[in-house]
Protein backbone atom coordinates (compact mmCIF):
# COMPACT_ATOMS: atom_id res chain seq x y z
CA UNK A 1 0.19 0.00 -0.19
CA UNK A 2 1.10 3.62 -1.04
CA UNK A 3 0.73 6.54 0.72
CA UNK A 4 -1.80 8.56 0.11
CA UNK A 5 -3.98 5.85 -1.14
CA UNK A 6 -7.11 5.21 0.53
CA UNK A 7 -8.87 1.97 1.12
CA UNK A 8 -12.48 0.78 1.51
CA UNK A 9 -12.48 -2.89 3.31
CA UNK A 10 -15.25 -4.10 4.75
CA UNK A 11 -14.99 -5.49 8.38
CA UNK A 12 -14.58 -9.53 7.18
CA UNK A 13 -11.98 -8.20 4.74
CA UNK A 14 -10.40 -6.13 7.16
CA UNK A 15 -8.62 -8.85 9.61
CA UNK A 16 -7.45 -10.58 6.46
CA UNK A 17 -5.42 -7.56 5.41
CA UNK A 18 -4.21 -6.67 8.72
CA UNK A 19 -3.01 -9.88 9.08
CA UNK A 20 -1.36 -10.03 5.71
CA UNK A 21 0.28 -6.38 6.60
CA UNK A 22 1.67 -8.14 9.59
CA UNK A 23 3.10 -11.26 7.95
CA UNK A 24 4.52 -9.07 5.54
CA UNK A 25 6.39 -6.41 8.52
CA UNK A 26 7.35 -9.96 10.19
CA UNK A 27 9.15 -11.25 7.64
CA UNK A 28 10.70 -8.42 6.23
CA UNK A 29 11.76 -7.15 9.95
CA UNK A 30 13.44 -10.63 10.10
CA UNK A 31 16.65 -9.46 9.02
CA UNK A 32 16.56 -5.94 9.04
CA UNK A 33 18.77 -3.85 7.04
CA UNK A 34 19.70 -0.18 8.16
CA UNK A 35 18.59 2.89 5.46
CA UNK A 36 22.15 4.01 4.42
CA UNK A 37 21.75 7.96 2.61
CA UNK A 38 23.87 7.60 -0.57
CA UNK A 39 23.48 11.58 -1.43
CA UNK A 40 24.72 14.25 0.56
CA UNK A 41 23.15 16.44 2.65
CA UNK A 42 24.74 19.14 -0.06
CA UNK A 43 23.37 17.77 -3.12
CA UNK A 44 19.88 17.03 -1.36
CA UNK A 45 19.45 20.76 -0.44
CA UNK A 46 20.73 21.51 -4.10
CA UNK A 47 17.42 19.81 -5.16
CA UNK A 48 15.51 21.08 -2.98
CA UNK A 49 16.57 24.36 -4.32
CA UNK A 50 15.98 23.84 -7.72
CA UNK A 51 12.50 22.29 -6.90
CA UNK A 52 11.56 25.18 -4.91
CA UNK A 53 12.81 27.42 -7.86
CA UNK A 54 10.72 25.20 -10.45
CA UNK A 55 7.63 25.66 -7.98
CA UNK A 56 8.01 29.57 -7.72
CA UNK A 57 8.48 29.78 -11.69
CA UNK A 58 5.23 28.09 -11.76
CA UNK A 59 3.56 30.06 -9.31
CA UNK A 60 4.74 33.28 -10.69
CA UNK A 61 3.59 32.44 -14.16
CA UNK A 62 -0.09 31.62 -12.69
CA UNK A 63 0.06 34.55 -10.85
CA UNK A 64 -0.54 36.80 -13.94
CA UNK A 65 -3.53 34.94 -14.53
CA UNK A 66 -5.24 34.62 -11.07
CA UNK A 67 -7.64 37.48 -9.84
CA UNK A 68 -6.14 39.33 -6.60
CA UNK A 69 -2.75 38.53 -7.57
CA UNK A 70 -2.01 41.15 -10.63
CA UNK A 71 0.14 43.87 -9.73
CA UNK A 72 1.64 42.42 -6.32
CA UNK A 73 4.92 42.53 -6.71
CA UNK A 74 7.51 39.26 -6.10
CA UNK A 75 8.44 40.17 -3.03
CA UNK A 76 5.33 40.58 -2.40
CA UNK A 77 4.13 36.88 -3.43
CA UNK A 78 7.38 35.47 -1.87
CA UNK A 79 6.47 37.11 1.46
CA UNK A 80 3.75 34.19 1.49
CA UNK A 81 5.22 31.59 0.08
CA UNK A 82 6.70 28.55 2.91
CA UNK A 83 9.63 28.90 4.46
CA UNK A 84 12.90 28.27 2.64
CA UNK A 85 14.66 25.00 3.18
CA UNK A 86 17.57 27.00 4.66
CA UNK A 87 15.32 27.77 7.28
CA UNK A 88 15.56 24.37 8.42
CA UNK A 89 19.24 23.70 8.51
CA UNK A 90 20.21 26.39 10.95
CA UNK A 91 21.40 28.39 7.64
């Protein structure tokens, strides 16, 4: 099952679904392996920066077409965006 996917399961099937999930977890955790980061923090933050830049470009492209946004400066629009990733890494 993936995050964000919801299922409607009747009571009879719910028990079987829970048992199947628990069996999978039990088998998977017999020989657990730690997660190993393969990317550096610098490369991750660079990807975040590029993604933010792409989203801001899209936002500003759409802002001109959305009522209430026309005439607002880029600085005013940025003020209402979510925090910059650097705000979460102490820098």
